[in-house]
């Protein structure tokens, strides 16, 4: 089985990025493609969504998605990692299988590519 070692991004101060306010216009996001994980905090933190593609575009779209926003009161966070196109679908599949997100079930039907989790 293939494996990818990802560098999961945090925000300033080595803190998890708040999903609703991370600056998607920052030059860092220009043409950045990979995978991302959105989760909520609270008493029982859980993965809300796992996805892949152009990170800034996908996160901007998710900020309008009521399926994700319903968890806002628990605090929504996001992290992402660059993944090149040939591995992206497999990494997304692995993350979805491992983290069992509460929302979104349209993950690629491909062989999972194992990777490190952000936490």
PDB file of N, CA and C in Angstrom:
ATOM      1  N   UNK A   1       0.840  -1.185   0.000  1.00  0.00           N
ATOM      2  CA  UNK A   1       0.000   0.000   0.000  1.00  0.00           C
ATOM      3  C   UNK A   1       0.880   1.242   0.000  1.00  0.00           C
ATOM      4  N   UNK A   2       0.475   2.213  -0.815  1.00  0.00           N
ATOM      5  CA  UNK A   2       1.180   3.488  -0.829  1.00  0.00           C
ATOM      6  C   UNK A   2       0.954   4.218   0.484  1.00  0.00           C
ATOM      7  N   UNK A   3       1.855   5.137   0.790  1.00  0.00           N
ATOM      8  CA  UNK A   3       1.703   5.943   1.987  1.00  0.00           C
ATOM      9  C   UNK A   3       2.236   7.340   1.699  1.00  0.00           C
ATOM     10  N   UNK A   4       1.585   8.349   2.270  1.00  0.00           N
ATOM     11  CA  UNK A   4       2.001   9.744   2.125  1.00  0.00           C
ATOM     12  C   UNK A   4       2.190  10.330   3.515  1.00  0.00           C
ATOM     13  N   UNK A   5       3.278  11.059   3.711  1.00  0.00           N
ATOM     14  CA  UNK A   5       3.487  11.760   4.968  1.00  0.00           C
ATOM     15  C   UNK A   5       3.176  13.233   4.711  1.00  0.00           C
ATOM     16  N   UNK A   6       2.069  13.704   5.301  1.00  0.00           N
ATOM     17  CA  UNK A   6       1.607  15.059   5.025  1.00  0.00           C
ATOM     18  C   UNK A   6       2.044  16.050   6.087  1.00  0.00           C
ATOM     19  N   UNK A   7       2.158  17.304   5.674  1.00  0.00           N
ATOM     20  CA  UNK A   7       2.418  18.408   6.590  1.00  0.00           C
ATOM     21  C   UNK A   7       1.089  19.141   6.763  1.00  0.00           C
ATOM     22  N   UNK A   8       0.480  18.956   7.925  1.00  0.00           N
ATOM     23  CA  UNK A   8      -0.819  19.569   8.210  1.00  0.00           C
ATOM     24  C   UNK A   8      -0.591  20.997   8.694  1.00  0.00           C
ATOM     25  N   UNK A   9      -1.332  21.936   8.135  1.00  0.00           N
ATOM     26  CA  UNK A   9      -1.156  23.354   8.438  1.00  0.00           C
ATOM     27  C   UNK A   9      -1.970  23.805   9.638  1.00  0.00           C
ATOM     28  N   UNK A  10      -1.368  24.701  10.404  1.00  0.00           N
ATOM     29  CA  UNK A  10      -2.023  25.389  11.509  1.00  0.00           C
ATOM     30  C   UNK A  10      -1.920  26.877  11.249  1.00  0.00           C
ATOM     31  N   UNK A  11      -2.556  27.647  12.090  1.00  0.00           N
ATOM     32  CA  UNK A  11      -2.502  29.102  11.967  1.00  0.00           C
ATOM     33  C   UNK A  11      -1.436  29.669  12.898  1.00  0.00           C
ATOM     34  N   UNK A  12      -1.323  30.983  12.893  1.00  0.00           N
ATOM     35  CA  UNK A  12      -0.326  31.673  13.699  1.00  0.00           C
ATOM     36  C   UNK A  12      -0.410  31.247  15.156  1.00  0.00           C
ATOM     37  N   UNK A  13       0.738  31.088  15.780  1.00  0.00           N
ATOM     38  CA  UNK A  13       0.786  30.668  17.173  1.00  0.00           C
ATOM     39  C   UNK A  13       0.608  29.170  17.331  1.00  0.00           C
ATOM     40  N   UNK A  14       0.783  28.426  16.239  1.00  0.00           N
ATOM     41  CA  UNK A  14       0.658  26.965  16.256  1.00  0.00           C
ATOM     42  C   UNK A  14      -0.718  26.525  16.757  1.00  0.00           C
ATOM     43  N   UNK A  15      -1.748  27.303  16.402  1.00  0.00           N
ATOM     44  CA  UNK A  15      -3.122  27.004  16.816  1.00  0.00           C
ATOM     45  C   UNK A  15      -3.911  26.481  15.617  1.00  0.00           C
ATOM     46  N   UNK A  16      -4.907  25.653  15.894  1.00  0.00           N
ATOM     47  CA  UNK A  16      -5.790  25.186  14.824  1.00  0.00           C
ATOM     48  C   UNK A  16      -6.536  26.386  14.255  1.00  0.00           C
ATOM     49  N   UNK A  17      -6.716  26.392  12.962  1.00  0.00           N
ATOM     50  CA  UNK A  17      -7.359  27.511  12.285  1.00  0.00           C
ATOM     51  C   UNK A  17      -8.874  27.469  12.455  1.00  0.00           C
ATOM     52  N   UNK A  18      -9.478  28.606  12.813  1.00  0.00           N
ATOM     53  CA  UNK A  18     -10.936  28.670  12.862  1.00  0.00           C
ATOM     54  C   UNK A  18     -11.483  28.632  11.426  1.00  0.00           C
ATOM     55  N   UNK A  19     -12.355  27.694  11.171  1.00  0.00           N
ATOM     56  CA  UNK A  19     -12.882  27.468   9.823  1.00  0.00           C
ATOM     57  C   UNK A  19     -13.520  28.719   9.220  1.00  0.00           C
ATOM     58  N   UNK A  20     -14.306  29.432   9.996  1.00  0.00           N
ATOM     59  CA  UNK A  20     -15.075  30.540   9.442  1.00  0.00           C
ATOM     60  C   UNK A  20     -14.273  31.816   9.221  1.00  0.00           C
ATOM     61  N   UNK A  21     -13.096  31.929   9.824  1.00  0.00           N
ATOM     62  CA  UNK A  21     -12.359  33.189   9.720  1.00  0.00           C
ATOM     63  C   UNK A  21     -10.941  33.066   9.164  1.00  0.00           C
ATOM     64  N   UNK A  22     -10.462  31.868   8.878  1.00  0.00           N
ATOM     65  CA  UNK A  22      -9.119  31.761   8.296  1.00  0.00           C
ATOM     66  C   UNK A  22      -9.129  32.540   6.974  1.00  0.00           C
ATOM     67  N   UNK A  23      -8.068  33.314   6.740  1.00  0.00           N
ATOM     68  CA  UNK A  23      -7.988  34.211   5.593  1.00  0.00           C
ATOM     69  C   UNK A  23      -7.681  33.432   4.310  1.00  0.00           C
ATOM     70  N   UNK A  24      -8.731  33.127   3.559  1.00  0.00           N
ATOM     71  CA  UNK A  24      -8.570  32.356   2.329  1.00  0.00           C
ATOM     72  C   UNK A  24      -7.982  33.186   1.191  1.00  0.00           C
ATOM     73  N   UNK A  25      -7.850  34.519   1.401  1.00  0.00           N
ATOM     74  CA  UNK A  25      -7.243  35.402   0.400  1.00  0.00           C
ATOM     75  C   UNK A  25      -5.726  35.504   0.584  1.00  0.00           C
ATOM     76  N   UNK A  26      -5.211  34.904   1.653  1.00  0.00           N
ATOM     77  CA  UNK A  26      -3.773  34.956   1.923  1.00  0.00           C
ATOM     78  C   UNK A  26      -3.014  34.342   0.744  1.00  0.00           C
ATOM     79  N   UNK A  27      -1.879  34.934   0.355  1.00  0.00           N
ATOM     80  CA  UNK A  27      -1.101  34.410  -0.778  1.00  0.00           C
ATOM     81  C   UNK A  27      -0.734  32.924  -0.625  1.00  0.00           C
ATOM     82  N   UNK A  28      -0.659  32.442   0.600  1.00  0.00           N
ATOM     83  CA  UNK A  28      -0.333  31.029   0.850  1.00  0.00           C
ATOM     84  C   UNK A  28      -1.295  30.103   0.096  1.00  0.00           C
ATOM     85  N   UNK A  29      -2.556  30.517  -0.028  1.00  0.00           N
ATOM     86  CA  UNK A  29      -3.573  29.658  -0.634  1.00  0.00           C
ATOM     87  C   UNK A  29      -3.589  29.689  -2.160  1.00  0.00           C
ATOM     88  N   UNK A  30      -2.834  30.608  -2.764  1.00  0.00           N
ATOM     89  CA  UNK A  30      -2.868  30.743  -4.226  1.00  0.00           C
ATOM     90  C   UNK A  30      -2.463  29.427  -4.892  1.00  0.00           C
ATOM     91  N   UNK A  31      -3.378  28.872  -5.648  1.00  0.00           N
ATOM     92  CA  UNK A  31      -3.171  27.614  -6.394  1.00  0.00           C
ATOM     93  C   UNK A  31      -2.846  26.419  -5.502  1.00  0.00           C
ATOM     94  N   UNK A  32      -3.165  26.494  -4.225  1.00  0.00           N
ATOM     95  CA  UNK A  32      -2.879  25.386  -3.307  1.00  0.00           C
ATOM     96  C   UNK A  32      -3.936  24.299  -3.457  1.00  0.00           C
ATOM     97  N   UNK A  33      -3.477  23.102  -3.774  1.00  0.00           N
ATOM     98  CA  UNK A  33      -4.384  21.964  -3.914  1.00  0.00           C
ATOM     99  C   UNK A  33      -3.945  20.853  -2.979  1.00  0.00           C
ATOM    100  N   UNK A  34      -4.929  20.149  -2.451  1.00  0.00           N
ATOM    101  CA  UNK A  34      -4.617  19.061  -1.528  1.00  0.00           C
ATOM    102  C   UNK A  34      -5.863  18.531  -0.871  1.00  0.00           C
ATOM    103  N   UNK A  35      -5.724  18.159   0.401  1.00  0.00           N
ATOM    104  CA  UNK A  35      -6.841  17.626   1.183  1.00  0.00           C
ATOM    105  C   UNK A  35      -7.050  18.507   2.409  1.00  0.00           C
ATOM    106  N   UNK A  36      -8.254  18.409   2.985  1.00  0.00           N
ATOM    107  CA  UNK A  36      -8.541  19.203   4.177  1.00  0.00           C
ATOM    108  C   UNK A  36      -9.520  18.456   5.067  1.00  0.00           C
ATOM    109  N   UNK A  37      -9.510  18.850   6.332  1.00  0.00           N
ATOM    110  CA  UNK A  37     -10.397  18.262   7.330  1.00  0.00           C
ATOM    111  C   UNK A  37     -11.049  19.419   8.082  1.00  0.00           C
ATOM    112  N   UNK A  38     -12.375  19.371   8.181  1.00  0.00           N
ATOM    113  CA  UNK A  38     -13.124  20.326   8.996  1.00  0.00           C
ATOM    114  C   UNK A  38     -13.683  19.542  10.171  1.00  0.00           C
ATOM    115  N   UNK A  39     -13.518  20.069  11.393  1.00  0.00           N
ATOM    116  CA  UNK A  39     -14.056  19.380  12.557  1.00  0.00           C
ATOM    117  C   UNK A  39     -14.633  20.378  13.539  1.00  0.00           C
ATOM    118  N   UNK A  40     -15.393  19.871  14.484  1.00  0.00           N
ATOM    119  CA  UNK A  40     -15.931  20.744  15.525  1.00  0.00           C
ATOM    120  C   UNK A  40     -15.330  20.372  16.867  1.00  0.00           C
ATOM    121  N   UNK A  41     -15.315  21.368  17.759  1.00  0.00           N
ATOM    122  CA  UNK A  41     -14.816  21.163  19.113  1.00  0.00           C
ATOM    123  C   UNK A  41     -15.961  20.746  20.017  1.00  0.00           C
ATOM    124  N   UNK A  42     -15.911  21.198  21.251  1.00  0.00           N
ATOM    125  CA  UNK A  42     -16.958  20.877  22.214  1.00  0.00           C
ATOM    126  C   UNK A  42     -16.601  19.675  23.076  1.00  0.00           C
ATOM    127  N   UNK A  43     -17.589  19.168  23.780  1.00  0.00           N
ATOM    128  CA  UNK A  43     -17.384  18.039  24.700  1.00  0.00           C
ATOM    129  C   UNK A  43     -16.912  16.786  23.979  1.00  0.00           C
ATOM    130  N   UNK A  44     -17.415  16.577  22.762  1.00  0.00           N
ATOM    131  CA  UNK A  44     -17.057  15.385  21.980  1.00  0.00           C
ATOM    132  C   UNK A  44     -16.663  15.822  20.565  1.00  0.00           C
ATOM    133  N   UNK A  45     -15.420  16.304  20.395  1.00  0.00           N
ATOM    134  CA  UNK A  45     -14.997  16.760  19.067  1.00  0.00           C
ATOM    135  C   UNK A  45     -15.168  15.647  18.030  1.00  0.00           C
ATOM    136  N   UNK A  46     -15.524  16.033  16.817  1.00  0.00           N
ATOM    137  CA  UNK A  46     -15.732  15.049  15.757  1.00  0.00           C
ATOM    138  C   UNK A  46     -15.439  15.672  14.399  1.00  0.00           C
ATOM    139  N   UNK A  47     -15.066  14.830  13.453  1.00  0.00           N
ATOM    140  CA  UNK A  47     -14.835  15.276  12.084  1.00  0.00           C
ATOM    141  C   UNK A  47     -16.169  15.581  11.432  1.00  0.00           C
ATOM    142  N   UNK A  48     -16.260  16.755  10.824  1.00  0.00           N
ATOM    143  CA  UNK A  48     -17.485  17.161  10.143  1.00  0.00           C
ATOM    144  C   UNK A  48     -17.395  16.849   8.653  1.00  0.00           C
ATOM    145  N   UNK A  49     -16.233  17.123   8.038  1.00  0.00           N
ATOM    146  CA  UNK A  49     -16.119  16.952   6.595  1.00  0.00           C
ATOM    147  C   UNK A  49     -14.668  16.701   6.207  1.00  0.00           C
ATOM    148  N   UNK A  50     -14.461  15.846   5.226  1.00  0.00           N
ATOM    149  CA  UNK A  50     -13.156  15.591   4.629  1.00  0.00           C
ATOM    150  C   UNK A  50     -13.304  15.853   3.136  1.00  0.00           C
ATOM    151  N   UNK A  51     -12.370  16.603   2.562  1.00  0.00           N
ATOM    152  CA  UNK A  51     -12.471  16.887   1.135  1.00  0.00           C
ATOM    153  C   UNK A  51     -11.119  17.103   0.493  1.00  0.00           C
ATOM    154  N   UNK A  52     -11.160  17.393  -0.803  1.00  0.00           N
ATOM    155  CA  UNK A  52      -9.938  17.592  -1.577  1.00  0.00           C
ATOM    156  C   UNK A  52     -10.210  18.543  -2.726  1.00  0.00           C
ATOM    157  N   UNK A  53      -9.138  19.113  -3.253  1.00  0.00           N
ATOM    158  CA  UNK A  53      -9.235  20.017  -4.393  1.00  0.00           C
ATOM    159  C   UNK A  53      -8.486  21.298  -4.110  1.00  0.00           C
ATOM    160  N   UNK A  54      -8.941  22.394  -4.747  1.00  0.00           N
ATOM    161  CA  UNK A  54      -8.368  23.705  -4.504  1.00  0.00           C
ATOM    162  C   UNK A  54      -8.831  24.138  -3.116  1.00  0.00           C
ATOM    163  N   UNK A  55      -7.912  24.243  -2.185  1.00  0.00           N
ATOM    164  CA  UNK A  55      -8.257  24.431  -0.768  1.00  0.00           C
ATOM    165  C   UNK A  55      -9.100  25.691  -0.548  1.00  0.00           C
ATOM    166  N   UNK A  56      -8.647  26.843  -1.029  1.00  0.00           N
ATOM    167  CA  UNK A  56      -9.384  28.086  -0.786  1.00  0.00           C
ATOM    168  C   UNK A  56     -10.776  28.044  -1.406  1.00  0.00           C
ATOM    169  N   UNK A  57     -10.891  27.557  -2.630  1.00  0.00           N
ATOM    170  CA  UNK A  57     -12.197  27.495  -3.296  1.00  0.00           C
ATOM    171  C   UNK A  57     -13.154  26.564  -2.561  1.00  0.00           C
ATOM    172  N   UNK A  58     -12.673  25.407  -2.177  1.00  0.00           N
ATOM    173  CA  UNK A  58     -13.527  24.428  -1.508  1.00  0.00           C
ATOM    174  C   UNK A  58     -13.966  24.936  -0.132  1.00  0.00           C
ATOM    175  N   UNK A  59     -13.042  25.533   0.634  1.00  0.00           N
ATOM    176  CA  UNK A  59     -13.411  26.035   1.960  1.00  0.00           C
ATOM    177  C   UNK A  59     -14.379  27.199   1.855  1.00  0.00           C
ATOM    178  N   UNK A  60     -14.188  28.066   0.864  1.00  0.00           N
ATOM    179  CA  UNK A  60     -15.118  29.186   0.665  1.00  0.00           C
ATOM    180  C   UNK A  60     -16.523  28.651   0.381  1.00  0.00           C
ATOM    181  N   UNK A  61     -16.626  27.620  -0.425  1.00  0.00           N
ATOM    182  CA  UNK A  61     -17.934  27.023  -0.724  1.00  0.00           C
ATOM    183  C   UNK A  61     -18.541  26.395   0.531  1.00  0.00           C
ATOM    184  N   UNK A  62     -17.726  25.730   1.317  1.00  0.00           N
ATOM    185  CA  UNK A  62     -18.237  25.079   2.533  1.00  0.00           C
ATOM    186  C   UNK A  62     -18.739  26.095   3.559  1.00  0.00           C
ATOM    187  N   UNK A  63     -18.227  27.304   3.520  1.00  0.00           N
ATOM    188  CA  UNK A  63     -18.697  28.343   4.446  1.00  0.00           C
ATOM    189  C   UNK A  63     -20.152  28.732   4.175  1.00  0.00           C
ATOM    190  N   UNK A  64     -20.687  28.306   3.039  1.00  0.00           N
ATOM    191  CA  UNK A  64     -22.089  28.565   2.688  1.00  0.00           C
ATOM    192  C   UNK A  64     -22.954  27.314   2.854  1.00  0.00           C
ATOM    193  N   UNK A  65     -22.372  26.225   3.331  1.00  0.00           N
ATOM    194  CA  UNK A  65     -23.052  24.922   3.383  1.00  0.00           C
ATOM    195  C   UNK A  65     -23.709  24.703   4.751  1.00  0.00           C
ATOM    196  N   UNK A  66     -25.026  24.660   4.770  1.00  0.00           N
ATOM    197  CA  UNK A  66     -25.756  24.513   6.036  1.00  0.00           C
ATOM    198  C   UNK A  66     -25.440  23.194   6.738  1.00  0.00           C
ATOM    199  N   UNK A  67     -25.063  22.170   5.985  1.00  0.00           N
ATOM    200  CA  UNK A  67     -24.708  20.889   6.605  1.00  0.00           C
ATOM    201  C   UNK A  67     -23.485  21.043   7.515  1.00  0.00           C
ATOM    202  N   UNK A  68     -22.577  21.909   7.128  1.00  0.00           N
ATOM    203  CA  UNK A  68     -21.373  22.152   7.927  1.00  0.00           C
ATOM    204  C   UNK A  68     -21.644  23.222   8.982  1.00  0.00           C
ATOM    205  N   UNK A  69     -22.339  24.279   8.599  1.00  0.00           N
ATOM    206  CA  UNK A  69     -22.584  25.397   9.513  1.00  0.00           C
ATOM    207  C   UNK A  69     -23.439  25.015  10.719  1.00  0.00           C
ATOM    208  N   UNK A  70     -24.184  23.924  10.632  1.00  0.00           N
ATOM    209  CA  UNK A  70     -25.005  23.524  11.777  1.00  0.00           C
ATOM    210  C   UNK A  70     -24.160  23.197  13.016  1.00  0.00           C
ATOM    211  N   UNK A  71     -22.868  22.983  12.835  1.00  0.00           N
ATOM    212  CA  UNK A  71     -21.970  22.664  13.953  1.00  0.00           C
ATOM    213  C   UNK A  71     -21.232  23.901  14.483  1.00  0.00           C
ATOM    214  N   UNK A  72     -21.558  25.078  13.962  1.00  0.00           N
ATOM    215  CA  UNK A  72     -20.836  26.308  14.326  1.00  0.00           C
ATOM    216  C   UNK A  72     -20.806  26.585  15.819  1.00  0.00           C
ATOM    217  N   UNK A  73     -21.882  26.280  16.515  1.00  0.00           N
ATOM    218  CA  UNK A  73     -21.934  26.582  17.950  1.00  0.00           C
ATOM    219  C   UNK A  73     -20.908  25.781  18.746  1.00  0.00           C
ATOM    220  N   UNK A  74     -20.401  24.711  18.163  1.00  0.00           N
ATOM    221  CA  UNK A  74     -19.394  23.883  18.835  1.00  0.00           C
ATOM    222  C   UNK A  74     -17.968  24.345  18.523  1.00  0.00           C
ATOM    223  N   UNK A  75     -17.845  25.299  17.613  1.00  0.00           N
ATOM    224  CA  UNK A  75     -16.531  25.760  17.177  1.00  0.00           C
ATOM    225  C   UNK A  75     -16.044  24.900  16.031  1.00  0.00           C
ATOM    226  N   UNK A  76     -15.906  25.489  14.855  1.00  0.00           N
ATOM    227  CA  UNK A  76     -15.424  24.760  13.680  1.00  0.00           C
ATOM    228  C   UNK A  76     -13.971  25.111  13.410  1.00  0.00           C
ATOM    229  N   UNK A  77     -13.198  24.090  13.092  1.00  0.00           N
ATOM    230  CA  UNK A  77     -11.772  24.247  12.814  1.00  0.00           C
ATOM    231  C   UNK A  77     -11.436  23.562  11.504  1.00  0.00           C
ATOM    232  N   UNK A  78     -10.307  23.950  10.923  1.00  0.00           N
ATOM    233  CA  UNK A  78      -9.889  23.357   9.658  1.00  0.00           C
ATOM    234  C   UNK A  78      -8.373  23.220   9.631  1.00  0.00           C
ATOM    235  N   UNK A  79      -7.924  22.176   8.973  1.00  0.00           N
ATOM    236  CA  UNK A  79      -6.516  22.013   8.652  1.00  0.00           C
ATOM    237  C   UNK A  79      -6.448  21.448   7.244  1.00  0.00           C
ATOM    238  N   UNK A  80      -5.315  21.646   6.591  1.00  0.00           N
ATOM    239  CA  UNK A  80      -5.162  21.197   5.213  1.00  0.00           C
ATOM    240  C   UNK A  80      -3.715  20.806   4.979  1.00  0.00           C
ATOM    241  N   UNK A  81      -3.528  20.045   3.909  1.00  0.00           N
ATOM    242  CA  UNK A  81      -2.185  19.615   3.524  1.00  0.00           C
ATOM    243  C   UNK A  81      -2.118  19.543   2.005  1.00  0.00           C
ATOM    244  N   UNK A  82      -1.001  19.975   1.451  1.00  0.00           N
ATOM    245  CA  UNK A  82      -0.797  19.871   0.003  1.00  0.00           C
ATOM    246  C   UNK A  82      -0.610  18.397  -0.365  1.00  0.00           C
ATOM    247  N   UNK A  83      -1.292  17.975  -1.401  1.00  0.00           N
ATOM    248  CA  UNK A  83      -1.154  16.614  -1.924  1.00  0.00           C
ATOM    249  C   UNK A  83      -1.211  16.725  -3.444  1.00  0.00           C
ATOM    250  N   UNK A  84      -0.236  16.137  -4.132  1.00  0.00           N
ATOM    251  CA  UNK A  84      -0.241  16.214  -5.592  1.00  0.00           C
ATOM    252  C   UNK A  84      -1.378  15.362  -6.156  1.00  0.00           C
ATOM    253  N   UNK A  85      -1.847  15.758  -7.318  1.00  0.00           N
ATOM    254  CA  UNK A  85      -3.037  15.170  -7.932  1.00  0.00           C
ATOM    255  C   UNK A  85      -3.055  13.642  -7.991  1.00  0.00           C
ATOM    256  N   UNK A  86      -1.958  12.975  -8.375  1.00  0.00           N
ATOM    257  CA  UNK A  86      -2.045  11.512  -8.498  1.00  0.00           C
ATOM    258  C   UNK A  86      -2.368  10.782  -7.185  1.00  0.00           C
ATOM    259  N   UNK A  87      -2.102  11.413  -6.049  1.00  0.00           N
ATOM    260  CA  UNK A  87      -2.335  10.776  -4.743  1.00  0.00           C
ATOM    261  C   UNK A  87      -3.566  11.317  -4.021  1.00  0.00           C
ATOM    262  N   UNK A  88      -4.106  12.446  -4.487  1.00  0.00           N
ATOM    263  CA  UNK A  88      -5.132  13.168  -3.751  1.00  0.00           C
ATOM    264  C   UNK A  88      -6.378  12.330  -3.456  1.00  0.00           C
ATOM    265  N   UNK A  89      -6.915  11.654  -4.464  1.00  0.00           N
ATOM    266  CA  UNK A  89      -8.135  10.876  -4.253  1.00  0.00           C
ATOM    267  C   UNK A  89      -7.926   9.755  -3.243  1.00  0.00           C
ATOM    268  N   UNK A  90      -6.793   9.083  -3.332  1.00  0.00           N
ATOM    269  CA  UNK A  90      -6.501   7.988  -2.408  1.00  0.00           C
ATOM    270  C   UNK A  90      -6.326   8.462  -0.977  1.00  0.00           C
ATOM    271  N   UNK A  91      -5.689   9.621  -0.805  1.00  0.00           N
ATOM    272  CA  UNK A  91      -5.515  10.199   0.539  1.00  0.00           C
ATOM    273  C   UNK A  91      -6.871  10.625   1.093  1.00  0.00           C
ATOM    274  N   UNK A  92      -7.695  11.261   0.266  1.00  0.00           N
ATOM    275  CA  UNK A  92      -9.030  11.655   0.722  1.00  0.00           C
ATOM    276  C   UNK A  92      -9.833  10.421   1.158  1.00  0.00           C
ATOM    277  N   UNK A  93      -9.759   9.361   0.375  1.00  0.00           N
ATOM    278  CA  UNK A  93     -10.484   8.126   0.708  1.00  0.00           C
ATOM    279  C   UNK A  93     -10.020   7.577   2.060  1.00  0.00           C
ATOM    280  N   UNK A  94      -8.707   7.559   2.269  1.00  0.00           N
ATOM    281  CA  UNK A  94      -8.157   7.059   3.541  1.00  0.00           C
ATOM    282  C   UNK A  94      -8.657   7.902   4.712  1.00  0.00           C
ATOM    283  N   UNK A  95      -8.585   9.232   4.578  1.00  0.00           N
ATOM    284  CA  UNK A  95      -9.013  10.119   5.661  1.00  0.00           C
ATOM    285  C   UNK A  95     -10.498   9.935   5.963  1.00  0.00           C
ATOM    286  N   UNK A  96     -11.314   9.816   4.923  1.00  0.00           N
ATOM    287  CA  UNK A  96     -12.749   9.622   5.134  1.00  0.00           C
ATOM    288  C   UNK A  96     -13.027   8.287   5.826  1.00  0.00           C
ATOM    289  N   UNK A  97     -12.323   7.241   5.408  1.00  0.00           N
ATOM    290  CA  UNK A  97     -12.508   5.922   6.026  1.00  0.00           C
ATOM    291  C   UNK A  97     -12.078   5.933   7.491  1.00  0.00           C
ATOM    292  N   UNK A  98     -11.007   6.645   7.781  1.00  0.00           N
ATOM    293  CA  UNK A  98     -10.435   6.667   9.123  1.00  0.00           C
ATOM    294  C   UNK A  98     -11.206   7.597  10.073  1.00  0.00           C
ATOM    295  N   UNK A  99     -11.620   8.770   9.571  1.00  0.00           N
ATOM    296  CA  UNK A  99     -12.208   9.802  10.430  1.00  0.00           C
ATOM    297  C   UNK A  99     -13.732   9.800  10.453  1.00  0.00           C
ATOM    298  N   UNK A 100     -14.363   9.098   9.519  1.00  0.00           N
ATOM    299  CA  UNK A 100     -15.825   8.968   9.470  1.00  0.00           C
ATOM    300  C   UNK A 100     -16.537  10.312   9.644  1.00  0.00           C
ATOM    301  N   UNK A 101     -16.377  11.219   8.683  1.00  0.00           N
ATOM    302  CA  UNK A 101     -17.006  12.540   8.806  1.00  0.00           C
ATOM    303  C   UNK A 101     -18.521  12.450   8.900  1.00  0.00           C
ATOM    304  N   UNK A 102     -19.091  13.400   9.659  1.00  0.00           N
ATOM    305  CA  UNK A 102     -20.541  13.432   9.868  1.00  0.00           C
ATOM    306  C   UNK A 102     -21.293  13.844   8.612  1.00  0.00           C
ATOM    307  N   UNK A 103     -20.652  14.622   7.751  1.00  0.00           N
ATOM    308  CA  UNK A 103     -21.295  15.129   6.540  1.00  0.00           C
ATOM    309  C   UNK A 103     -20.469  14.768   5.317  1.00  0.00           C
ATOM    310  N   UNK A 104     -21.142  14.644   4.179  1.00  0.00           N
ATOM    311  CA  UNK A 104     -20.451  14.377   2.913  1.00  0.00           C
ATOM    312  C   UNK A 104     -20.097  12.909   2.763  1.00  0.00           C
ATOM    313  N   UNK A 105     -20.639  12.280   1.752  1.00  0.00           N
ATOM    314  CA  UNK A 105     -20.358  10.856   1.553  1.00  0.00           C
ATOM    315  C   UNK A 105     -19.825  10.569   0.155  1.00  0.00           C
ATOM    316  N   UNK A 106     -19.614  11.595  -0.640  1.00  0.00           N
ATOM    317  CA  UNK A 106     -19.169  11.404  -2.021  1.00  0.00           C
ATOM    318  C   UNK A 106     -17.654  11.399  -2.115  1.00  0.00           C
ATOM    319  N   UNK A 107     -17.036  10.402  -1.489  1.00  0.00           N
ATOM    320  CA  UNK A 107     -15.579  10.305  -1.543  1.00  0.00           C
ATOM    321  C   UNK A 107     -15.179   9.376  -2.681  1.00  0.00           C
ATOM    322  N   UNK A 108     -13.992   9.596  -3.263  1.00  0.00           N
ATOM    323  CA  UNK A 108     -13.577   8.801  -4.417  1.00  0.00           C
ATOM    324  C   UNK A 108     -13.583   7.302  -4.116  1.00  0.00           C
ATOM    325  N   UNK A 109     -14.025   6.534  -5.085  1.00  0.00           N
ATOM    326  CA  UNK A 109     -14.031   5.082  -4.965  1.00  0.00           C
ATOM    327  C   UNK A 109     -12.708   4.554  -5.517  1.00  0.00           C
ATOM    328  N   UNK A 110     -11.654   4.747  -4.729  1.00  0.00           N
ATOM    329  CA  UNK A 110     -10.299   4.366  -5.119  1.00  0.00           C
ATOM    330  C   UNK A 110      -9.631   3.655  -3.953  1.00  0.00           C
ATOM    331  N   UNK A 111      -8.484   3.080  -4.218  1.00  0.00           N
ATOM    332  CA  UNK A 111      -7.707   2.438  -3.160  1.00  0.00           C
ATOM    333  C   UNK A 111      -7.184   3.506  -2.203  1.00  0.00           C
ATOM    334  N   UNK A 112      -7.433   3.352  -0.901  1.00  0.00           N
ATOM    335  CA  UNK A 112      -6.940   4.337   0.070  1.00  0.00           C
ATOM    336  C   UNK A 112      -5.405   4.408   0.078  1.00  0.00           C
ATOM    337  N   UNK A 113      -4.900   5.604   0.289  1.00  0.00           N
ATOM    338  CA  UNK A 113      -3.459   5.817   0.475  1.00  0.00           C
ATOM    339  C   UNK A 113      -3.275   6.306   1.899  1.00  0.00           C
ATOM    340  N   UNK A 114      -2.627   5.506   2.726  1.00  0.00           N
ATOM    341  CA  UNK A 114      -2.505   5.857   4.141  1.00  0.00           C
ATOM    342  C   UNK A 114      -1.627   7.094   4.326  1.00  0.00           C
ATOM    343  N   UNK A 115      -1.930   7.798   5.390  1.00  0.00           N
ATOM    344  CA  UNK A 115      -1.192   9.023   5.715  1.00  0.00           C
ATOM    345  C   UNK A 115      -1.262   9.268   7.208  1.00  0.00           C
ATOM    346  N   UNK A 116      -0.479  10.215   7.658  1.00  0.00           N
ATOM    347  CA  UNK A 116      -0.522  10.626   9.059  1.00  0.00           C
ATOM    348  C   UNK A 116      -1.715  11.551   9.273  1.00  0.00           C
ATOM    349  N   UNK A 117      -2.316  11.457  10.433  1.00  0.00           N
ATOM    350  CA  UNK A 117      -3.404  12.357  10.807  1.00  0.00           C
ATOM    351  C   UNK A 117      -2.827  13.615  11.445  1.00  0.00           C
ATOM    352  N   UNK A 118      -3.598  14.701  11.452  1.00  0.00           N
ATOM    353  CA  UNK A 118      -3.045  15.953  11.988  1.00  0.00           C
ATOM    354  C   UNK A 118      -2.928  15.997  13.494  1.00  0.00           C
ATOM    355  N   UNK A 119      -3.608  15.118  14.220  1.00  0.00           N
ATOM    356  CA  UNK A 119      -3.567  15.143  15.673  1.00  0.00           C
ATOM    357  C   UNK A 119      -3.205  13.794  16.238  1.00  0.00           C
TER     358      UNK A 119
END
